[in-house]
Amino acid sequence: MNSEEIMSLKNNVIALILQSKSVEELEELRIKYLGRKGEINKLLQALPELDPNQRSSYGTAVNQAKNQIEMAINEKTKQSSTVKINQEFFDPTVPGKPAPTGALHPITKIFHEVEDIFGKFGFSIATGPEVEWDKINFQKLLLGPDHPSRDTQETYYFDEKKLLRVHTSSVQIRYLESHQPPIRIVVPGRVYRRDTIDVTHLPSFHQIEGLMVDDKTVLTDLLGILEHFAKQLFGAKRKVRFYGHHFPYTEPSLEIEVQMENGRWLEIMGCGMVHPQVLENCGINSKKFQGWAFGMGAERLAMLKYWIADIRSLYAGDVKFLNPNLC
């Protein structure tokens, strides 16, 4: 076989390669022409029988044909594989995989629920600074120098006059100083106390407080609204009870308990009528206006509502708290 015949064979094989429809077909062509017993090897085996003057040009022609056939098969194989992958794995009519979704954190959900319940009674949301003056955080709330909460073992101080607020009652004072009755506010926010970390305590947590001041509200208004709130948050059949307590800034003062499924009564918040002196400290005429206030821990509400045993779980970064099925 001369060089022209070798070139003709090569062109025919390449034509067959280009016309092939599958990887399997290409493999058959590779075996037939490039395999150990293939046509190209047969041509190379004939090399010793040729005239020495012809061997060089013959061998070069055969090797060139082999290389070009090899390249054509490899290129066609890549094209066929790509087509096959696209046919098997890409279908524009198949719906895409849904992105994983999360949910609001339990504390955020509690904030939203409380704000929504009291919002229906006309309460607006008020906020204030977390770094507060001693005068606003303690003094105007009748928490005198000897009160335990003012001890450095209980409160984070920057200096004698400045501290991290221990309750969101400081926002109530600021609001009373800058607004005249009627006043209806809910105050959610982070507070700080020097508590030892355990299953129910953290040095930084959240409170939700409320304040109502006008010229006609009475204690029974407070009791009715808070009972409604507890039943909205924990269920309409939930039993609620009030009992006497003491807070320096309210008189009379009460605490509220709800009965859980296991029959236990658990305290959820403190409340009472705003002490007249607190109103006077903020420039409100206590002979004309009166009011009531309440305060609760958001973490405690979340633990009771969502059956969370350890308060530390709320801040452990566990993804299950972003699972929509949790709450």
Protein backbone atom coordinates (compact mmCIF):
# COMPACT_ATOMS: atom_id res chain seq x y z
CA MET A 1 0.00 0.00 0.00
CA ASN A 2 1.48 3.31 -1.08
CA SER A 3 1.22 6.72 0.62
CA GLU A 4 -1.83 7.77 -1.38
CA GLU A 5 -3.70 4.61 -0.38
CA ILE A 6 -2.75 5.15 3.29
CA MET A 7 -4.05 8.73 3.08
CA SER A 8 -7.26 7.51 1.45
CA LEU A 9 -7.73 4.90 4.23
CA LYS A 10 -7.15 7.58 6.87
CA ASN A 11 -9.71 9.92 5.29
CA ASN A 12 -12.31 7.15 5.09
CA VAL A 13 -11.78 6.22 8.74
CA ILE A 14 -12.04 9.85 9.86
CA ALA A 15 -15.27 10.19 7.88
CA LEU A 16 -16.67 7.13 9.70
CA ILE A 17 -15.60 8.65 13.02
CA LEU A 18 -17.37 11.94 12.27
CA GLN A 19 -20.55 10.07 11.28
CA SER A 20 -20.60 7.91 14.40
CA LYS A 21 -23.56 8.38 16.74
CA SER A 22 -22.33 7.00 20.06
CA VAL A 23 -19.32 6.33 22.25
CA GLU A 24 -19.86 2.62 21.66
CA GLU A 25 -19.58 3.11 17.88
CA LEU A 26 -16.36 5.03 18.33
CA GLU A 27 -14.92 2.27 20.46
CA GLU A 28 -15.65 -0.24 17.72
CA LEU A 29 -13.85 1.97 15.17
CA ARG A 30 -10.88 2.39 17.52
CA ILE A 31 -10.53 -1.37 17.95
CA LYS A 32 -10.96 -2.03 14.24
CA TYR A 33 -8.30 0.45 13.10
CA LEU A 34 -6.06 1.15 16.11
CA GLY A 35 -6.36 -2.06 18.09
CA ARG A 36 -3.57 -4.65 18.46
CA LYS A 37 -5.04 -6.59 15.53
CA GLY A 38 -6.35 -3.46 13.77
CA GLU A 39 -5.75 -2.23 10.23
CA ILE A 40 -3.04 0.28 11.17
CA ASN A 41 -0.99 -2.34 13.01
CA LYS A 42 -1.29 -4.64 10.02
CA LEU A 43 0.20 -1.89 7.85
CA LEU A 44 3.10 -1.48 10.30
CA GLN A 45 3.71 -5.24 10.34
CA ALA A 46 4.26 -5.10 6.57
CA LEU A 47 7.12 -2.62 7.01
CA PRO A 48 9.98 -5.21 7.15
CA GLU A 49 8.90 -6.69 3.82
CA LEU A 50 9.28 -3.40 1.95
CA ASP A 51 12.25 -2.20 -0.02
CA PRO A 52 14.63 -0.31 2.34
CA ASN A 53 14.27 2.81 0.22
CA GLN A 54 10.47 2.81 0.75
CA ARG A 55 10.40 2.04 4.46
CA SER A 56 11.00 5.57 5.73
CA SER A 57 8.25 7.28 3.73
CA TYR A 58 5.86 4.36 4.28
CA GLY A 59 6.42 4.31 8.04
CA THR A 60 5.99 8.07 8.28
CA ALA A 61 2.70 7.95 6.34
CA VAL A 62 1.33 5.11 8.50
CA ASN A 63 2.27 6.84 11.77
CA GLN A 64 0.75 10.13 10.63
CA ALA A 65 -2.46 8.32 9.69
CA LYS A 66 -2.50 6.58 13.07
CA ASN A 67 -2.01 9.84 14.97
CA GLN A 68 -4.71 11.68 13.03
CA ILE A 69 -7.21 8.83 13.47
CA GLU A 70 -6.41 8.77 17.19
CA MET A 71 -6.96 12.53 17.49
CA ALA A 72 -10.25 12.31 15.59
CA ILE A 73 -11.53 9.53 17.87
CA ASN A 74 -10.55 11.43 21.03
CA GLU A 75 -12.21 14.64 19.87
CA LYS A 76 -15.38 12.84 18.83
CA THR A 77 -15.45 10.94 22.12
CA LYS A 78 -15.39 14.23 24.07
CA GLN A 79 -18.23 15.62 21.96
CA SER A 80 -20.32 12.46 22.36
CA SER A 81 -19.78 12.38 26.12
CA THR A 82 -20.89 16.01 26.47
CA VAL A 83 -24.03 15.36 24.45
CA LYS A 84 -24.80 12.28 26.52
CA ILE A 85 -24.35 14.13 29.81
CA ASN A 86 -26.60 16.95 28.63
CA GLN A 87 -29.25 14.48 27.46
CA GLU A 88 -29.21 12.55 30.74
CA PHE A 89 -28.85 15.34 33.33
CA PHE A 90 -30.24 18.52 31.84
CA ASP A 91 -33.97 18.83 31.39
CA PRO A 92 -35.29 22.41 31.46
CA THR A 93 -38.78 21.15 32.35
CA VAL A 94 -37.65 19.51 35.61
CA PRO A 95 -38.31 21.77 38.66
CA GLY A 96 -35.19 22.97 40.45
CA LYS A 97 -34.27 21.80 43.92
CA PRO A 98 -35.91 24.03 46.53
CA ALA A 99 -33.54 26.12 48.63
CA PRO A 100 -33.49 25.15 52.32
CA THR A 101 -35.60 27.54 54.36
CA GLY A 102 -35.31 28.57 57.97
CA ALA A 103 -37.52 30.38 60.44
CA LEU A 104 -37.37 33.23 62.90
CA HIS A 105 -35.47 32.62 66.13
CA PRO A 106 -37.78 31.81 69.10
CA ILE A 107 -36.90 35.10 70.81
CA THR A 108 -37.80 37.06 67.68
CA LYS A 109 -41.06 35.13 67.42
CA ILE A 110 -41.89 35.98 71.04
CA PHE A 111 -41.16 39.66 70.38
CA HIS A 112 -43.47 39.64 67.38
CA GLU A 113 -46.28 37.82 69.19
CA VAL A 114 -46.17 40.11 72.23
CA GLU A 115 -46.01 43.24 70.08
CA ASP A 116 -48.94 41.99 67.98
CA ILE A 117 -51.14 41.16 70.99
CA PHE A 118 -50.61 44.52 72.70
CA GLY A 119 -50.68 46.34 69.36
CA LYS A 120 -54.37 45.47 69.13
CA PHE A 121 -54.90 47.49 72.35
CA GLY A 122 -53.18 50.52 70.83
CA PHE A 123 -49.69 49.99 72.29
CA SER A 124 -46.75 51.26 70.24
CA ILE A 125 -43.14 50.07 70.45
CA ALA A 126 -40.49 52.13 72.24
CA THR A 127 -36.74 51.53 72.43
CA GLY A 128 -33.79 53.12 74.19
CA PRO A 129 -30.04 52.86 74.80
CA GLU A 130 -28.46 49.82 76.46
CA VAL A 131 -25.80 51.99 78.10
CA GLU A 132 -27.72 54.00 80.67
CA TRP A 133 -27.34 56.58 83.45
CA ASP A 134 -27.68 55.44 87.06
CA LYS A 135 -30.24 58.17 87.61
CA ILE A 136 -32.57 56.80 84.92
CA ASN A 137 -31.91 53.10 85.49
CA PHE A 138 -32.25 53.20 89.30
CA GLN A 139 -32.93 56.51 91.02
CA LYS A 140 -36.07 57.60 89.19
CA LEU A 141 -37.47 54.10 89.69
CA LEU A 142 -37.09 54.44 93.47
CA LEU A 143 -34.24 51.92 93.62
CA GLY A 144 -32.21 53.58 96.35
CA PRO A 145 -28.49 53.30 97.12
CA ASP A 146 -29.04 50.27 99.37
CA HIS A 147 -31.08 48.25 96.88
CA PRO A 148 -29.39 44.87 96.11
CA SER A 149 -29.63 45.36 92.34
CA ARG A 150 -27.29 48.35 92.59
CA ASP A 151 -24.46 46.26 93.97
CA THR A 152 -21.45 45.81 91.67
CA GLN A 153 -21.95 42.06 92.00
CA GLU A 154 -25.33 42.48 90.28
CA THR A 155 -24.78 45.26 87.73
CA TYR A 156 -22.18 46.06 85.07
CA TYR A 157 -20.86 49.57 85.76
CA PHE A 158 -18.68 51.78 83.57
CA ASP A 159 -18.31 54.30 86.40
CA GLU A 160 -20.43 55.65 89.25
CA LYS A 161 -22.93 57.25 86.89
CA LYS A 162 -22.97 54.99 83.84
CA LEU A 163 -23.88 51.30 83.47
CA LEU A 164 -25.40 48.61 81.27
CA ARG A 165 -29.16 48.72 81.87
CA VAL A 166 -30.53 45.97 84.10
CA HIS A 167 -34.10 46.30 82.78
CA THR A 168 -35.97 48.03 79.99
CA SER A 169 -37.79 50.12 82.63
CA SER A 170 -35.20 52.77 81.82
CA VAL A 171 -36.94 53.23 78.45
CA GLN A 172 -40.22 53.84 80.30
CA ILE A 173 -38.56 56.64 82.30
CA ARG A 174 -37.16 58.22 79.14
CA TYR A 175 -40.55 58.00 77.45
CA LEU A 176 -42.38 59.52 80.43
CA GLU A 177 -39.90 62.40 80.46
CA SER A 178 -40.44 63.19 76.78
CA HIS A 179 -44.17 62.47 76.35
CA GLN A 180 -47.38 63.49 78.05
CA PRO A 181 -50.24 61.04 78.74
CA PRO A 182 -52.06 59.19 77.35
CA ILE A 183 -49.17 56.72 76.98
CA ARG A 184 -49.30 53.12 75.80
CA ILE A 185 -45.96 51.50 74.98
CA VAL A 186 -44.35 48.08 74.79
CA VAL A 187 -40.58 48.04 75.34
CA PRO A 188 -38.62 45.02 74.02
CA GLY A 189 -34.85 44.93 74.40
CA ARG A 190 -31.64 43.39 75.70
CA VAL A 191 -30.62 43.82 79.33
CA TYR A 192 -27.57 42.87 81.40
CA ARG A 193 -27.06 41.43 84.88
CA ARG A 194 -24.17 39.69 86.59
CA ASP A 195 -25.90 36.31 86.67
CA THR A 196 -24.02 33.02 86.75
CA ILE A 197 -24.70 31.06 83.56
CA ASP A 198 -26.87 27.98 84.15
CA VAL A 199 -29.97 26.34 82.62
CA THR A 200 -32.19 29.35 83.43
CA HIS A 201 -29.80 32.32 83.72
CA LEU A 202 -27.56 34.33 81.40
CA PRO A 203 -25.68 37.59 81.98
CA SER A 204 -27.35 39.04 78.87
CA PHE A 205 -30.98 38.36 78.02
CA HIS A 206 -34.15 40.08 76.76
CA GLN A 207 -37.06 41.74 78.49
CA ILE A 208 -40.41 43.00 77.28
CA GLU A 209 -42.04 45.67 79.40
CA GLY A 210 -45.23 47.63 79.00
CA LEU A 211 -46.56 50.94 80.29
CA MET A 212 -50.01 52.49 80.31
CA VAL A 213 -50.62 56.00 81.73
CA ASP A 214 -53.76 58.14 81.43
CA ASP A 215 -56.36 59.79 83.66
CA LYS A 216 -58.73 56.85 84.09
CA THR A 217 -57.00 53.43 83.82
CA VAL A 218 -57.29 51.20 86.90
CA LEU A 219 -55.83 47.94 88.21
CA THR A 220 -58.65 45.81 86.80
CA ASP A 221 -57.73 47.04 83.29
CA LEU A 222 -54.23 45.68 83.86
CA LEU A 223 -55.51 42.33 85.14
CA GLY A 224 -57.92 41.90 82.23
CA ILE A 225 -55.36 42.77 79.54
CA LEU A 226 -52.65 40.54 81.02
CA GLU A 227 -55.02 37.58 81.37
CA HIS A 228 -56.01 38.07 77.74
CA PHE A 229 -52.33 38.25 76.78
CA ALA A 230 -51.46 34.99 78.60
CA LYS A 231 -54.34 33.13 76.94
CA GLN A 232 -53.37 34.49 73.52
CA LEU A 233 -49.75 33.41 73.97
CA PHE A 234 -50.22 30.03 75.67
CA GLY A 235 -53.74 28.99 74.62
CA ALA A 236 -57.33 30.01 75.36
CA LYS A 237 -57.81 27.26 77.96
CA ARG A 238 -54.74 28.26 79.97
CA LYS A 239 -55.47 29.08 83.61
CA VAL A 240 -54.02 32.33 84.94
CA ARG A 241 -53.70 33.60 88.51
CA PHE A 242 -52.39 36.74 90.24
CA TYR A 243 -50.83 37.12 93.66
CA GLY A 244 -49.37 39.97 95.65
CA HIS A 245 -45.69 40.89 95.40
CA HIS A 246 -43.42 43.89 95.92
CA PHE A 247 -41.59 46.12 93.45
CA PRO A 248 -40.28 49.55 94.50
CA TYR A 249 -41.69 51.28 91.41
CA THR A 250 -45.24 49.86 91.52
CA GLU A 251 -47.87 49.95 94.26
CA PRO A 252 -49.73 47.66 94.53
CA SER A 253 -47.51 45.04 92.86
CA LEU A 254 -48.46 41.62 91.51
CA GLU A 255 -46.95 38.58 89.84
CA ILE A 256 -48.72 36.42 87.27
CA GLU A 257 -48.59 32.65 86.96
CA VAL A 258 -49.93 30.29 84.29
CA GLN A 259 -50.73 26.64 84.78
CA MET A 260 -48.78 24.35 82.48
CA GLU A 261 -49.93 21.01 80.98
CA ASN A 262 -48.38 19.08 83.87
CA GLY A 263 -50.40 21.09 86.39
CA ARG A 264 -47.50 23.20 87.67
CA TRP A 265 -47.96 26.94 88.15
CA LEU A 266 -45.10 29.00 86.71
CA GLU A 267 -44.51 32.74 87.09
CA ILE A 268 -44.30 34.62 83.80
CA MET A 269 -44.16 38.31 84.75
CA GLY A 270 -44.44 41.04 87.35
CA CYS A 271 -46.77 44.03 87.19
CA GLY A 272 -48.55 46.70 89.19
CA MET A 273 -49.79 50.27 89.36
CA VAL A 274 -47.02 52.79 88.70
CA HIS A 275 -45.89 54.39 91.96
CA PRO A 276 -47.02 58.08 92.01
CA GLN A 277 -43.50 59.20 92.88
CA VAL A 278 -42.16 57.60 89.68
CA LEU A 279 -44.63 59.70 87.68
CA GLU A 280 -43.61 62.82 89.59
CA ASN A 281 -39.90 62.02 88.99
CA CYS A 282 -40.63 62.18 85.26
CA GLY A 283 -42.65 65.39 85.35
CA ILE A 284 -46.09 63.74 85.24
CA ASN A 285 -48.77 65.08 87.61
CA SER A 286 -49.66 62.03 89.74
CA LYS A 287 -52.81 63.71 91.05
CA LYS A 288 -54.18 63.90 87.52
CA PHE A 289 -52.69 60.81 85.90
CA GLN A 290 -52.13 57.22 86.93
CA GLY A 291 -50.90 54.12 85.19
CA TRP A 292 -49.70 50.56 85.32
CA ALA A 293 -46.68 48.65 84.08
CA PHE A 294 -45.57 45.07 83.53
CA GLY A 295 -42.37 43.26 82.64
CA MET A 296 -41.47 39.76 81.45
CA GLY A 297 -38.42 37.82 80.25
CA ALA A 298 -38.54 36.92 76.55
CA GLU A 299 -36.31 33.86 77.08
CA ARG A 300 -38.59 32.55 79.83
CA LEU A 301 -41.65 32.92 77.60
CA ALA A 302 -39.87 31.14 74.74
CA MET A 303 -38.76 28.28 77.00
CA LEU A 304 -42.30 27.77 78.30
CA LYS A 305 -44.04 28.13 74.94
CA TYR A 306 -41.63 26.00 72.90
CA TRP A 307 -40.59 23.50 75.58
CA ILE A 308 -36.92 24.51 75.68
CA ALA A 309 -35.25 23.00 78.76
CA ASP A 310 -31.98 24.94 78.77
CA ILE A 311 -31.77 28.69 78.14
CA ARG A 312 -28.26 28.24 76.75
CA SER A 313 -29.74 26.33 73.81
CA LEU A 314 -31.16 29.60 72.50
CA TYR A 315 -27.65 30.93 71.87
CA ALA A 316 -25.71 27.74 71.09
CA GLY A 317 -25.91 28.22 67.31
CA ASP A 318 -27.91 25.01 66.87
CA VAL A 319 -29.54 25.05 63.42
CA LYS A 320 -32.64 23.29 64.74
CA PHE A 321 -33.78 26.64 66.18
CA LEU A 322 -34.13 27.83 62.58
CA ASN A 323 -36.26 24.82 61.64
CA PRO A 324 -39.80 25.91 60.71
CA ASN A 325 -41.18 22.76 62.38
CA LEU A 326 -39.77 23.71 65.80
CA CYS A 327 -42.11 26.57 66.64
